[in-house]
N, C-alpha and C. Protein backbone atom coordinates (compact mmCIF):
# COMPACT_ATOMS: atom_id res chain seq x y z
N MET A 1 -6.40 1.74 33.00
CA MET A 1 -7.32 2.40 31.74
C MET A 1 -8.53 2.45 31.10
N SER A 2 -8.41 3.95 30.16
CA SER A 2 -9.97 4.32 29.90
C SER A 2 -10.29 3.64 28.73
N ASP A 3 -11.78 4.12 28.64
CA ASP A 3 -12.11 3.45 26.66
C ASP A 3 -11.11 3.48 26.09
N ARG A 4 -10.76 5.11 25.90
CA ARG A 4 -9.83 5.77 25.08
C ARG A 4 -8.71 5.25 24.52
N ASP A 5 -7.87 4.66 25.83
CA ASP A 5 -6.94 4.34 25.71
C ASP A 5 -6.78 2.92 25.40
N THR A 6 -8.34 1.90 25.99
CA THR A 6 -8.29 0.41 25.05
C THR A 6 -8.56 0.85 23.63
N PHE A 7 -8.94 1.62 23.39
CA PHE A 7 -9.65 1.35 21.68
C PHE A 7 -9.16 0.42 20.81
N GLY A 8 -7.80 1.01 20.83
CA GLY A 8 -7.12 0.73 19.40
C GLY A 8 -5.96 -0.23 19.73
N PRO A 9 -5.92 -1.08 21.01
CA PRO A 9 -5.09 -2.51 21.53
C PRO A 9 -6.41 -3.28 21.09
N ARG A 10 -7.64 -3.21 21.29
CA ARG A 10 -9.04 -3.81 22.04
C ARG A 10 -9.53 -4.20 20.58
N LEU A 11 -9.53 -3.49 18.81
CA LEU A 11 -9.28 -3.70 17.94
C LEU A 11 -7.88 -4.51 17.54
N ARG A 12 -6.67 -4.23 17.33
CA ARG A 12 -5.71 -5.15 16.94
C ARG A 12 -6.32 -7.02 17.67
N SER A 13 -6.61 -6.93 19.74
CA SER A 13 -7.11 -8.31 20.16
C SER A 13 -7.69 -8.75 19.17
N GLU A 14 -8.86 -7.94 18.29
CA GLU A 14 -10.48 -8.74 18.15
C GLU A 14 -9.57 -9.35 17.09
N ARG A 15 -8.75 -8.34 16.37
CA ARG A 15 -8.21 -8.93 14.86
C ARG A 15 -7.81 -10.31 14.60
N GLU A 16 -6.75 -9.80 15.69
CA GLU A 16 -5.45 -10.87 16.15
C GLU A 16 -6.52 -13.02 16.29
N ARG A 17 -7.30 -12.41 17.21
CA ARG A 17 -8.29 -13.55 17.23
C ARG A 17 -9.16 -14.44 16.23
N ARG A 18 -9.21 -13.21 15.70
CA ARG A 18 -9.84 -13.61 14.17
C ARG A 18 -9.06 -14.36 13.31
N GLY A 19 -7.88 -13.74 13.56
CA GLY A 19 -6.67 -14.41 12.33
C GLY A 19 -7.06 -13.96 11.22
N ILE A 20 -6.60 -12.78 11.45
CA ILE A 20 -7.09 -11.18 10.02
C ILE A 20 -5.56 -10.55 10.24
N SER A 21 -4.59 -10.86 8.86
CA SER A 21 -3.26 -10.10 9.26
C SER A 21 -3.59 -8.56 9.26
N ILE A 22 -2.65 -7.79 8.89
CA ILE A 22 -2.94 -6.16 8.89
C ILE A 22 -2.54 -6.03 7.09
N GLU A 23 -1.65 -7.94 6.85
CA GLU A 23 -2.07 -7.48 4.95
C GLU A 23 -3.38 -8.02 4.11
N THR A 24 -3.86 -8.62 4.76
CA THR A 24 -5.43 -8.83 4.76
C THR A 24 -5.75 -7.84 4.62
N ILE A 25 -6.06 -6.57 5.48
CA ILE A 25 -6.98 -5.46 5.74
C ILE A 25 -6.36 -4.51 4.50
N VAL A 26 -5.08 -4.14 4.78
CA VAL A 26 -4.29 -3.67 3.58
C VAL A 26 -5.11 -3.96 2.05
N THR A 27 -5.00 -5.28 1.78
CA THR A 27 -6.10 -6.16 0.34
C THR A 27 -6.61 -5.81 0.15
N VAL A 28 -7.80 -6.21 1.40
CA VAL A 28 -9.50 -5.46 0.98
C VAL A 28 -9.82 -3.90 1.23
N THR A 29 -9.47 -3.30 2.23
CA THR A 29 -9.70 -2.56 1.94
C THR A 29 -8.52 -0.54 1.22
N LYS A 30 -7.14 -1.84 0.27
CA LYS A 30 -6.61 -0.98 -0.43
C LYS A 30 -5.58 0.89 0.37
N VAL A 31 -5.90 0.73 2.00
CA VAL A 31 -5.69 1.71 2.23
C VAL A 31 -4.15 0.80 3.05
N GLY A 32 -3.31 1.53 3.39
CA GLY A 32 -1.98 1.95 4.01
C GLY A 32 -1.86 0.74 5.23
N ALA A 33 -1.12 0.16 5.15
CA ALA A 33 -0.89 -0.63 6.81
C ALA A 33 -0.28 0.35 7.55
N ASP A 34 0.07 1.56 7.50
CA ASP A 34 0.50 2.67 8.15
C ASP A 34 -0.71 3.37 8.85
N LEU A 35 -2.21 3.46 8.57
CA LEU A 35 -3.19 4.24 9.01
C LEU A 35 -3.47 3.12 10.05
N TRP A 36 -3.92 2.12 9.70
CA TRP A 36 -4.23 0.37 10.45
C TRP A 36 -3.32 0.28 11.00
N LEU A 37 -1.77 0.36 11.57
CA LEU A 37 -1.31 0.18 12.44
C LEU A 37 -1.33 1.57 13.64
N GLY A 38 -1.61 2.99 13.08
CA GLY A 38 -1.79 3.83 14.24
C GLY A 38 -3.11 3.76 14.52
N LEU A 39 -4.00 3.45 13.49
CA LEU A 39 -5.22 2.80 14.65
C LEU A 39 -5.43 2.29 16.15
N GLU A 40 -4.53 1.58 15.52
CA GLU A 40 -4.56 0.01 16.92
C GLU A 40 -3.57 0.59 17.70
N ARG A 41 -2.60 1.44 17.78
CA ARG A 41 -2.33 2.49 18.73
C ARG A 41 -2.67 3.37 19.21
N ASN A 42 -4.16 3.72 18.62
CA ASN A 42 -4.50 5.83 19.11
C ASN A 42 -3.76 6.75 18.51
N ASP A 43 -3.07 6.37 17.69
CA ASP A 43 -1.73 7.36 16.85
C ASP A 43 -3.12 7.69 15.33
N PHE A 44 -3.68 9.12 15.34
CA PHE A 44 -4.32 9.64 14.36
C PHE A 44 -3.66 10.52 13.77
N SER A 45 -2.10 10.25 13.87
CA SER A 45 -1.90 11.62 13.14
C SER A 45 -1.25 12.22 11.74
N LYS A 46 -1.48 10.67 11.21
CA LYS A 46 -1.54 10.98 9.82
C LYS A 46 -3.24 10.95 9.21
N TRP A 47 -4.07 11.32 10.22
CA TRP A 47 -5.11 10.63 9.65
C TRP A 47 -5.59 11.77 8.79
N PRO A 48 -7.37 11.71 8.25
CA PRO A 48 -7.88 13.01 8.16
C PRO A 48 -8.98 13.70 9.11
N SER A 49 -10.17 14.32 9.13
CA SER A 49 -10.43 13.80 10.20
C SER A 49 -12.25 14.13 9.65
N GLY A 50 -13.07 14.26 10.52
CA GLY A 50 -14.79 14.05 10.31
C GLY A 50 -14.88 12.76 9.66
N ILE A 51 -15.54 13.50 8.68
CA ILE A 51 -16.27 12.60 7.97
C ILE A 51 -15.54 10.70 7.48
N PHE A 52 -14.69 11.28 7.15
CA PHE A 52 -13.35 11.25 6.45
C PHE A 52 -12.42 9.70 7.43
N ALA A 53 -12.28 10.06 8.36
CA ALA A 53 -12.07 9.51 9.07
C ALA A 53 -12.80 8.36 9.49
N ARG A 54 -14.50 8.96 9.53
CA ARG A 54 -15.02 7.60 10.44
C ARG A 54 -15.58 7.07 8.95
N ALA A 55 -15.05 7.03 7.62
CA ALA A 55 -15.02 6.50 6.52
C ALA A 55 -14.01 4.83 6.58
N PHE A 56 -12.35 5.64 7.43
CA PHE A 56 -11.62 4.92 7.01
C PHE A 56 -12.14 3.32 9.04
N VAL A 57 -12.08 4.17 9.59
CA VAL A 57 -12.89 3.16 10.87
C VAL A 57 -14.20 2.15 10.53
N ARG A 58 -14.84 2.85 9.73
CA ARG A 58 -15.25 1.61 9.31
C ARG A 58 -15.17 0.69 8.01
N ASP A 59 -14.51 1.02 7.30
CA ASP A 59 -13.38 0.17 6.43
C ASP A 59 -12.77 -1.08 6.72
N TYR A 60 -12.73 -0.71 8.32
CA TYR A 60 -11.71 -1.52 9.39
C TYR A 60 -12.82 -2.32 10.20
N ALA A 61 -13.41 -1.93 10.56
CA ALA A 61 -14.56 -2.34 11.27
C ALA A 61 -14.98 -3.42 10.35
N LYS A 62 -15.22 -3.41 8.66
CA LYS A 62 -16.59 -4.41 8.25
C LYS A 62 -15.24 -5.14 7.69
N ALA A 63 -13.80 -5.03 6.96
CA ALA A 63 -12.37 -5.77 7.59
C ALA A 63 -12.33 -7.10 7.65
N VAL A 64 -12.55 -6.46 9.49
CA VAL A 64 -12.48 -7.29 10.68
C VAL A 64 -14.00 -8.50 10.29
N GLY A 65 -14.92 -7.97 10.38
CA GLY A 65 -16.51 -8.12 11.11
C GLY A 65 -16.76 -8.35 12.15
N LEU A 66 -16.75 -6.61 12.11
CA LEU A 66 -17.02 -6.22 13.45
C LEU A 66 -18.24 -5.53 13.12
N ASP A 67 -19.12 -4.98 14.18
CA ASP A 67 -20.57 -4.34 13.69
C ASP A 67 -19.98 -2.36 13.35
N ALA A 68 -20.20 -2.16 12.20
CA ALA A 68 -19.42 -1.14 12.24
C ALA A 68 -19.64 0.17 12.44
N ASP A 69 -21.57 0.47 12.69
CA ASP A 69 -21.17 1.09 13.44
C ASP A 69 -21.26 1.54 14.74
N GLU A 70 -21.51 0.29 15.50
CA GLU A 70 -20.88 0.29 16.95
C GLU A 70 -19.93 0.97 17.17
N ILE A 71 -18.60 0.45 15.93
CA ILE A 71 -16.75 0.89 16.34
C ILE A 71 -17.01 2.41 15.88
N VAL A 72 -18.10 3.36 14.87
CA VAL A 72 -18.21 3.95 13.72
C VAL A 72 -18.74 5.68 15.73
N ASP A 73 -19.37 4.34 16.11
CA ASP A 73 -20.02 5.41 16.77
C ASP A 73 -18.97 5.97 18.49
N GLU A 74 -18.08 5.27 18.33
CA GLU A 74 -17.24 4.68 20.37
C GLU A 74 -16.12 5.71 19.23
N PHE A 75 -15.85 5.72 17.98
CA PHE A 75 -14.28 6.20 17.80
C PHE A 75 -14.84 7.41 17.83
N CYS A 76 -15.83 8.28 17.31
CA CYS A 76 -16.80 9.63 17.75
C CYS A 76 -16.61 9.69 19.14
N ARG A 77 -17.33 8.92 19.90
CA ARG A 77 -17.15 9.28 21.13
C ARG A 77 -16.45 9.65 22.05
N LEU A 78 -15.31 8.86 21.67
CA LEU A 78 -13.77 8.82 21.88
C LEU A 78 -12.64 10.01 21.34
N PHE A 79 -12.76 10.09 20.12
CA PHE A 79 -11.57 10.59 19.13
C PHE A 79 -11.87 11.76 18.72
N PRO A 80 -11.68 12.75 18.76
CA PRO A 80 -11.46 14.18 17.65
C PRO A 80 -11.87 14.02 16.67
N ASN A 81 -10.95 13.14 15.93
CA ASN A 81 -11.20 12.55 14.40
C ASN A 81 -12.30 12.53 13.66
N GLY A 82 -13.04 11.98 14.58
CA GLY A 82 -14.64 11.64 13.85
C GLY A 82 -15.77 12.78 14.82
N ASP A 83 -15.72 13.80 15.01
CA ASP A 83 -15.94 14.57 15.99
C ASP A 83 -17.31 15.03 15.21
N ARG A 84 -18.58 14.65 16.02
CA ARG A 84 -20.12 14.71 14.94
C ARG A 84 -20.48 16.18 15.58
N ARG A 85 -20.13 16.98 16.15
CA ARG A 85 -20.71 17.54 17.08
C ARG A 85 -21.42 18.74 16.15
N ALA A 86 -21.26 18.67 15.22
CA ALA A 86 -22.01 19.81 14.39
C ALA A 86 -23.25 19.15 14.55
N ALA A 87 -22.78 17.74 13.75
CA ALA A 87 -24.47 16.69 12.85
C ALA A 87 -25.54 16.20 14.29
N ARG A 88 -25.06 16.55 15.76
CA ARG A 88 -25.51 16.48 16.86
C ARG A 88 -26.63 17.30 16.81
N ILE A 89 -26.32 18.63 16.73
CA ILE A 89 -26.90 20.16 16.88
C ILE A 89 -27.89 19.90 16.05
N ILE A 90 -27.88 19.61 15.04
CA ILE A 90 -28.53 19.63 13.81
C ILE A 90 -29.56 19.05 13.35
N LYS A 91 -29.38 17.49 14.12
CA LYS A 91 -30.03 16.99 14.58
C LYS A 91 -31.10 16.89 15.49
N ALA A 92 -30.50 17.69 16.45
CA ALA A 92 -31.40 18.19 17.33
C ALA A 92 -32.83 19.32 17.46
N GLN A 93 -32.16 20.07 15.90
CA GLN A 93 -32.71 21.36 15.24
C GLN A 93 -34.13 20.40 14.41
N ALA A 94 -32.84 19.70 13.95
CA ALA A 94 -34.68 18.83 13.25
C ALA A 94 -35.29 17.92 13.85
N GLU A 95 -35.20 17.81 14.88
CA GLU A 95 -36.23 17.38 15.55
C GLU A 95 -37.31 17.76 15.67
N LEU A 96 -36.85 19.17 16.17
CA LEU A 96 -37.59 20.07 16.77
C LEU A 96 -38.82 20.57 16.57
N ILE A 97 -38.04 20.26 14.81
CA ILE A 97 -38.87 20.75 14.27
C ILE A 97 -39.76 19.32 13.28
N GLY A 98 -39.18 18.49 13.37
CA GLY A 98 -39.78 17.77 13.19
C GLY A 98 -39.23 17.03 11.73
N HIS A 99 -38.23 17.11 11.20
CA HIS A 99 -37.96 16.59 10.02
C HIS A 99 -36.22 15.54 10.32
N SER A 100 -36.62 15.18 9.13
CA SER A 100 -35.39 13.96 9.45
C SER A 100 -33.95 14.48 9.20
N ALA A 101 -33.46 13.95 10.35
CA ALA A 101 -31.42 14.11 9.81
C ALA A 101 -31.34 13.09 10.21
N GLY A 102 -31.48 12.07 9.65
CA GLY A 102 -31.23 10.79 9.53
C GLY A 102 -29.41 9.96 8.39
N THR A 103 -29.85 10.96 7.33
CA THR A 103 -28.74 11.24 6.34
C THR A 103 -27.52 12.35 6.55
N LEU A 104 -27.57 12.41 8.20
CA LEU A 104 -26.18 13.61 8.04
C LEU A 104 -24.89 12.98 7.37
N ASP A 105 -24.53 12.24 7.27
CA ASP A 105 -23.09 11.00 7.21
C ASP A 105 -22.73 11.47 5.90
N ASP A 106 -24.14 11.74 5.00
CA ASP A 106 -23.48 11.13 4.07
C ASP A 106 -22.78 12.47 2.81
N PRO A 107 -21.65 12.68 2.63
CA PRO A 107 -21.16 13.28 2.29
C PRO A 107 -21.54 14.00 1.17
N SER A 108 -22.32 13.41 -0.08
CA SER A 108 -22.70 13.59 -1.29
C SER A 108 -24.03 14.91 -0.88
N LEU A 109 -24.22 14.55 0.17
CA LEU A 109 -25.70 15.79 0.81
C LEU A 109 -25.02 16.80 1.13
N VAL A 110 -23.86 17.24 1.27
CA VAL A 110 -23.26 18.08 1.81
C VAL A 110 -23.38 19.70 1.04
N PRO A 111 -24.10 20.62 1.44
CA PRO A 111 -24.50 21.65 0.48
C PRO A 111 -22.91 22.11 0.07
N ARG A 112 -23.39 23.05 -1.18
CA ARG A 112 -21.80 23.34 -1.24
C ARG A 112 -21.45 25.37 -1.06
N GLY A 113 -23.02 25.71 -0.35
CA GLY A 113 -22.72 27.38 0.49
C GLY A 113 -22.28 26.68 2.01
N GLY A 114 -22.26 27.60 2.82
CA GLY A 114 -22.63 27.90 3.73
C GLY A 114 -21.06 28.28 4.43
N ASP A 115 -20.40 27.55 5.96
CA ASP A 115 -19.71 28.50 6.03
C ASP A 115 -18.56 28.10 5.60
N ARG A 116 -17.76 29.32 4.87
CA ARG A 116 -16.80 28.75 4.13
C ARG A 116 -15.32 28.30 4.67
N ARG A 117 -15.39 28.60 5.79
CA ARG A 117 -13.79 27.99 6.35
C ARG A 117 -14.15 26.61 6.62
N ALA A 118 -15.48 25.96 7.08
CA ALA A 118 -15.69 24.70 7.11
C ALA A 118 -15.29 23.93 5.87
N ALA A 119 -15.88 24.74 4.72
CA ALA A 119 -15.61 24.32 3.33
C ALA A 119 -14.41 23.88 3.39
N ALA A 120 -13.12 24.99 3.17
CA ALA A 120 -12.19 24.84 3.20
C ALA A 120 -11.57 23.85 4.13
N HIS A 121 -11.87 23.66 4.95
CA HIS A 121 -11.50 22.78 5.99
C HIS A 121 -11.88 20.96 5.44
N ASP A 122 -12.64 20.64 5.36
CA ASP A 122 -13.35 19.68 4.27
C ASP A 122 -12.21 19.52 2.92
N ARG A 123 -12.31 20.51 2.59
CA ARG A 123 -11.63 20.28 0.90
C ARG A 123 -10.11 19.64 1.15
N LYS A 124 -9.46 20.23 2.21
CA LYS A 124 -8.10 20.07 2.68
C LYS A 124 -8.11 18.35 3.16
N ALA A 125 -9.36 17.64 4.04
CA ALA A 125 -9.50 17.10 4.59
C ALA A 125 -9.98 15.74 3.54
N GLN A 126 -10.29 16.33 2.24
CA GLN A 126 -10.90 15.59 1.24
C GLN A 126 -9.36 15.26 0.57
N ALA A 127 -8.88 15.95 0.33
CA ALA A 127 -7.48 16.17 -0.07
C ALA A 127 -7.04 14.54 0.08
N ARG A 128 -5.94 15.25 1.70
CA ARG A 128 -5.52 13.74 2.40
C ARG A 128 -6.02 12.48 2.12
N ALA A 129 -7.01 12.34 2.18
CA ALA A 129 -8.28 11.78 2.02
C ALA A 129 -7.29 10.45 0.81
N ARG A 130 -8.05 11.34 -0.32
CA ARG A 130 -7.29 10.67 -1.60
C ARG A 130 -6.19 10.38 -1.91
N ARG A 131 -5.02 11.12 -1.54
CA ARG A 131 -3.81 10.93 -1.28
C ARG A 131 -3.79 9.80 -0.24
N VAL A 132 -4.36 9.68 0.39
CA VAL A 132 -4.14 8.00 1.32
C VAL A 132 -4.65 7.16 0.48
N ARG A 133 -6.30 7.26 -0.05
CA ARG A 133 -6.42 6.05 -1.06
C ARG A 133 -5.76 5.77 -2.02
N LEU A 134 -5.21 6.47 -3.36
CA LEU A 134 -5.16 6.55 -4.69
C LEU A 134 -3.46 6.52 -4.74
N ALA A 135 -2.19 7.23 -3.74
CA ALA A 135 -1.55 7.00 -3.88
C ALA A 135 -0.73 5.65 -4.28
N PRO A 136 -0.65 4.84 -3.31
CA PRO A 136 -0.80 2.93 -3.35
C PRO A 136 -0.88 2.76 -4.36
N ARG A 137 -2.68 3.30 -4.78
CA ARG A 137 -3.59 1.79 -5.29
C ARG A 137 -2.87 2.35 -6.88
N THR A 138 -2.15 3.71 -7.08
CA THR A 138 -2.31 3.81 -8.76
C THR A 138 -0.96 3.20 -8.72
N LEU A 139 0.39 3.12 -7.72
CA LEU A 139 1.65 2.46 -8.09
C LEU A 139 1.58 1.33 -8.07
N ALA A 140 0.73 0.47 -7.31
CA ALA A 140 0.43 -0.86 -7.35
C ALA A 140 0.07 -1.94 -8.67
N ALA A 141 -1.42 -0.81 -9.23
CA ALA A 141 -1.75 -1.17 -10.38
C ALA A 141 -1.00 -1.19 -11.88
N SER A 142 0.15 0.27 -11.93
CA SER A 142 1.46 0.10 -12.74
C SER A 142 1.84 -0.47 -12.46
N ILE A 143 2.54 -1.23 -11.13
CA ILE A 143 3.11 -2.24 -11.32
C ILE A 143 2.72 -3.88 -11.85
N ASP A 144 1.15 -4.20 -11.82
CA ASP A 144 0.77 -4.62 -11.79
C ASP A 144 0.84 -5.47 -13.65
N VAL A 145 0.26 -3.88 -13.99
CA VAL A 145 -0.42 -3.74 -15.76
C VAL A 145 1.37 -4.29 -16.23
N GLY A 146 2.16 -3.12 -15.68
CA GLY A 146 3.73 -3.78 -16.29
C GLY A 146 4.26 -5.50 -16.46
N CYS A 147 3.38 -5.65 -15.40
CA CYS A 147 3.95 -7.79 -15.37
C CYS A 147 3.17 -8.03 -15.95
N THR A 148 1.85 -7.77 -16.04
CA THR A 148 1.11 -8.77 -17.32
C THR A 148 0.77 -8.32 -18.86
N ALA A 149 1.61 -6.98 -19.27
CA ALA A 149 1.95 -6.86 -20.22
C ALA A 149 3.13 -7.37 -20.54
N ALA A 150 4.26 -7.39 -19.98
CA ALA A 150 5.65 -8.54 -19.75
C ALA A 150 5.35 -9.72 -20.47
N LEU A 151 4.56 -10.24 -19.77
CA LEU A 151 4.36 -12.16 -19.65
C LEU A 151 3.35 -11.29 -21.56
N ALA A 152 2.69 -10.92 -21.39
CA ALA A 152 2.06 -10.90 -22.49
C ALA A 152 2.91 -10.86 -24.43
N LEU A 153 4.13 -10.08 -24.14
CA LEU A 153 5.00 -10.24 -24.82
C LEU A 153 5.60 -10.76 -25.58
N LEU A 154 4.98 -12.35 -24.17
CA LEU A 154 5.85 -13.43 -24.37
C LEU A 154 5.01 -13.60 -25.34
N GLY A 155 3.78 -14.17 -25.81
CA GLY A 155 2.77 -15.01 -26.63
C GLY A 155 3.55 -14.50 -28.28
N PRO A 156 3.58 -13.59 -28.86
CA PRO A 156 3.87 -13.43 -29.81
C PRO A 156 4.88 -13.83 -29.75
N ALA A 157 6.16 -13.47 -29.48
CA ALA A 157 7.68 -13.89 -29.86
C ALA A 157 7.04 -15.31 -29.44
N VAL A 158 6.70 -16.48 -28.93
CA VAL A 158 7.04 -17.56 -28.31
C VAL A 158 6.21 -18.71 -29.61
N VAL A 159 4.68 -18.91 -29.09
CA VAL A 159 3.40 -19.24 -29.70
C VAL A 159 3.52 -18.89 -30.94
N GLY A 160 3.20 -17.53 -31.35
CA GLY A 160 3.04 -16.39 -33.06
C GLY A 160 1.95 -15.67 -32.03
N ALA A 161 1.05 -15.71 -31.73
CA ALA A 161 -0.24 -15.18 -30.64
C ALA A 161 -0.66 -14.65 -30.89
N GLY A 162 -1.34 -13.15 -31.00
CA GLY A 162 -1.77 -11.89 -31.09
C GLY A 162 -1.47 -11.33 -29.71
N PHE A 163 -0.60 -10.38 -29.53
CA PHE A 163 -0.85 -9.94 -28.71
C PHE A 163 -2.52 -9.74 -27.36
N TRP A 164 -3.13 -8.96 -28.37
CA TRP A 164 -4.31 -8.77 -27.29
C TRP A 164 -4.95 -10.36 -26.76
N ALA A 165 -4.81 -11.18 -27.02
CA ALA A 165 -5.71 -12.85 -27.09
C ALA A 165 -4.01 -13.28 -25.67
N SER A 166 -2.58 -12.74 -26.03
CA SER A 166 -1.93 -13.21 -25.02
C SER A 166 -1.66 -12.18 -24.00
N ALA A 167 -2.43 -11.17 -24.17
CA ALA A 167 -2.97 -10.04 -22.77
C ALA A 167 -3.80 -10.59 -21.84
N GLY A 168 -5.17 -11.40 -22.27
CA GLY A 168 -6.11 -11.77 -21.91
C GLY A 168 -5.33 -13.00 -20.89
N VAL A 169 -4.61 -14.04 -21.71
CA VAL A 169 -4.15 -14.89 -20.63
C VAL A 169 -3.19 -14.44 -19.87
N ALA A 170 -2.66 -14.00 -20.69
CA ALA A 170 -1.45 -13.80 -19.19
C ALA A 170 -2.27 -12.70 -17.96
N ALA A 171 -3.20 -12.02 -18.15
CA ALA A 171 -3.87 -11.51 -17.05
C ALA A 171 -4.62 -12.34 -16.36
N ILE A 172 -4.98 -13.46 -16.79
CA ILE A 172 -5.71 -14.41 -15.97
C ILE A 172 -4.36 -14.58 -15.14
N VAL A 173 -3.70 -15.68 -15.66
CA VAL A 173 -2.53 -16.46 -15.73
C VAL A 173 -1.76 -15.53 -14.54
N TYR A 174 -1.51 -14.65 -14.24
CA TYR A 174 -0.77 -13.23 -12.99
C TYR A 174 -1.51 -13.41 -12.28
N TYR A 175 -2.93 -12.93 -12.29
CA TYR A 175 -3.48 -12.61 -10.97
C TYR A 175 -4.46 -14.12 -10.64
N SER A 176 -4.43 -15.41 -11.24
CA SER A 176 -4.74 -15.98 -10.35
C SER A 176 -3.35 -16.77 -9.66
N LEU A 177 -2.14 -17.38 -10.45
CA LEU A 177 -0.87 -17.24 -9.38
C LEU A 177 -1.01 -16.44 -8.31
N SER A 178 -0.92 -14.87 -8.85
CA SER A 178 -0.35 -14.07 -7.85
C SER A 178 -1.07 -14.67 -6.15
N THR A 179 -2.28 -14.78 -6.63
CA THR A 179 -3.18 -14.40 -5.04
C THR A 179 -3.12 -16.23 -5.24
N ILE A 180 -3.50 -17.01 -5.43
CA ILE A 180 -2.80 -18.75 -4.36
C ILE A 180 -1.46 -18.66 -4.00
N LEU A 181 -0.37 -18.19 -4.71
CA LEU A 181 0.86 -18.44 -4.26
C LEU A 181 1.26 -17.17 -2.50
N SER A 182 0.45 -15.85 -3.09
CA SER A 182 1.25 -15.49 -1.92
C SER A 182 -0.19 -14.29 -1.32
N GLY A 183 -1.47 -14.39 -2.59
CA GLY A 183 -2.86 -14.17 -1.42
C GLY A 183 -2.66 -12.18 -2.11
N ALA A 184 -1.51 -11.92 -3.17
CA ALA A 184 -1.95 -10.45 -3.67
C ALA A 184 -0.75 -10.55 -4.65
N THR A 185 -0.47 -9.08 -5.12
CA THR A 185 0.03 -9.30 -6.30
C THR A 185 1.27 -8.60 -6.40
N VAL A 186 2.31 -8.96 -7.27
CA VAL A 186 3.08 -8.26 -6.87
C VAL A 186 3.45 -7.21 -6.99
N GLY A 187 2.81 -6.24 -7.30
CA GLY A 187 2.23 -4.37 -7.42
C GLY A 187 2.03 -3.98 -5.49
N THR A 188 1.02 -5.31 -5.65
CA THR A 188 0.38 -4.96 -3.39
C THR A 188 1.81 -5.07 -2.76
N HIS A 189 2.65 -6.30 -3.01
CA HIS A 189 3.98 -6.75 -2.25
C HIS A 189 4.74 -5.83 -2.73
N THR A 190 4.75 -5.19 -3.81
CA THR A 190 6.26 -4.28 -3.28
C THR A 190 6.11 -2.24 -2.87
N VAL A 191 4.52 -1.87 -3.19
CA VAL A 191 4.05 -0.85 -2.12
C VAL A 191 4.28 -1.07 -1.03
N GLU A 192 3.95 -2.69 -0.33
CA GLU A 192 3.50 -2.52 0.80
C GLU A 192 5.21 -2.85 1.26
N PHE A 193 6.53 -3.03 0.69
CA PHE A 193 7.81 -3.68 0.59
C PHE A 193 8.17 -1.77 1.31
N LEU A 194 7.91 -0.84 -0.26
CA LEU A 194 8.48 0.60 -0.16
C LEU A 194 7.93 1.02 0.70
N ARG A 195 6.42 0.55 0.72
CA ARG A 195 5.94 1.85 2.12
C ARG A 195 6.53 0.73 3.52
N GLN A 196 6.89 0.38 3.92
CA GLN A 196 7.96 0.38 5.61
C GLN A 196 9.07 0.89 5.31
N ARG A 197 10.24 0.41 4.35
CA ARG A 197 11.34 1.17 3.69
C ARG A 197 11.71 2.44 3.32
N MET A 198 10.42 3.09 2.84
CA MET A 198 9.96 4.48 2.89
C MET A 198 8.73 4.86 3.06
N PRO A 199 8.61 5.16 4.24
CA PRO A 199 6.93 5.27 4.75
C PRO A 199 6.83 6.86 4.32
N GLU A 200 8.00 7.66 4.14
CA GLU A 200 7.89 9.13 3.62
C GLU A 200 6.96 9.17 2.49
N LEU A 201 7.36 7.83 1.01
CA LEU A 201 6.91 8.63 0.00
C LEU A 201 4.94 8.02 0.23
N PHE A 202 4.85 7.47 1.15
CA PHE A 202 3.03 7.50 1.50
C PHE A 202 2.71 8.44 2.38
N ALA A 203 3.87 9.04 3.22
CA ALA A 203 3.59 10.13 4.20
C ALA A 203 2.12 11.45 3.38
N VAL A 204 1.10 10.96 4.72
CA VAL A 204 0.04 12.18 3.78
C VAL A 204 0.56 13.20 5.43
N ARG A 205 1.33 14.31 5.07
CA ARG A 205 1.90 15.18 6.29
C ARG A 205 0.63 16.51 6.51
N ASP A 206 0.15 16.50 8.00
CA ASP A 206 -1.25 17.77 8.48
C ASP A 206 -0.31 18.13 9.64
N ARG A 207 -0.01 18.94 9.58
CA ARG A 207 0.13 20.28 10.78
C ARG A 207 -0.63 20.08 11.59
N ARG A 208 -1.66 19.96 11.51
CA ARG A 208 -2.10 19.80 13.08
C ARG A 208 -2.32 18.70 13.41
N ALA A 209 -2.60 18.91 14.93
CA ALA A 209 -2.82 17.94 15.62
C ALA A 209 -4.18 17.24 15.96
N HIS A 210 -4.06 15.87 16.13
CA HIS A 210 -5.02 15.32 16.19
C HIS A 210 -4.65 14.14 17.51
N ALA A 211 -6.04 13.01 17.42
CA ALA A 211 -6.18 12.20 18.95
C ALA A 211 -4.47 12.16 19.08
């Protein structure tokens, strides 16, 4: 098998060897399990491309305890999602004229002008990346806030304490017990359950073919 064929399975084997579950990766990165499972089987059909794909791979490597730079470099070499061809050309040109191109992967430094087609592509990729990251987090946070507020209402009703004092105690108790008993909050578990039963709710649709 080629390095490309074994890339994702090798990551999965390393994760399992270290005793790290997909649920732990989800909790640490706040990114859905479907993306990480896709990475481990070389399926990038739901992934963004370019710098956003590289950021996801870097997050995974850090969560597993691997060398993030090494894993990202291998990903870029093997799959078009992490394509750095433009960066390599710019770096070579910078070396010819004596400038540093070490910050090419910093999205905050990308100029506002330039190729309009590339800019439009980047905007679409950025929108997909935001959806992947924020939609499940927002839903989980909303569920957790609702649970905490419900517990806080018991304070005034039971012992006559003020709502905000009860809310503070409820938040501490809720998050502490959730972490101790199940390793994650009710919101996180609920989102993961919905993701498995109704993955279309969290799917990032992209008509282009990736790796």
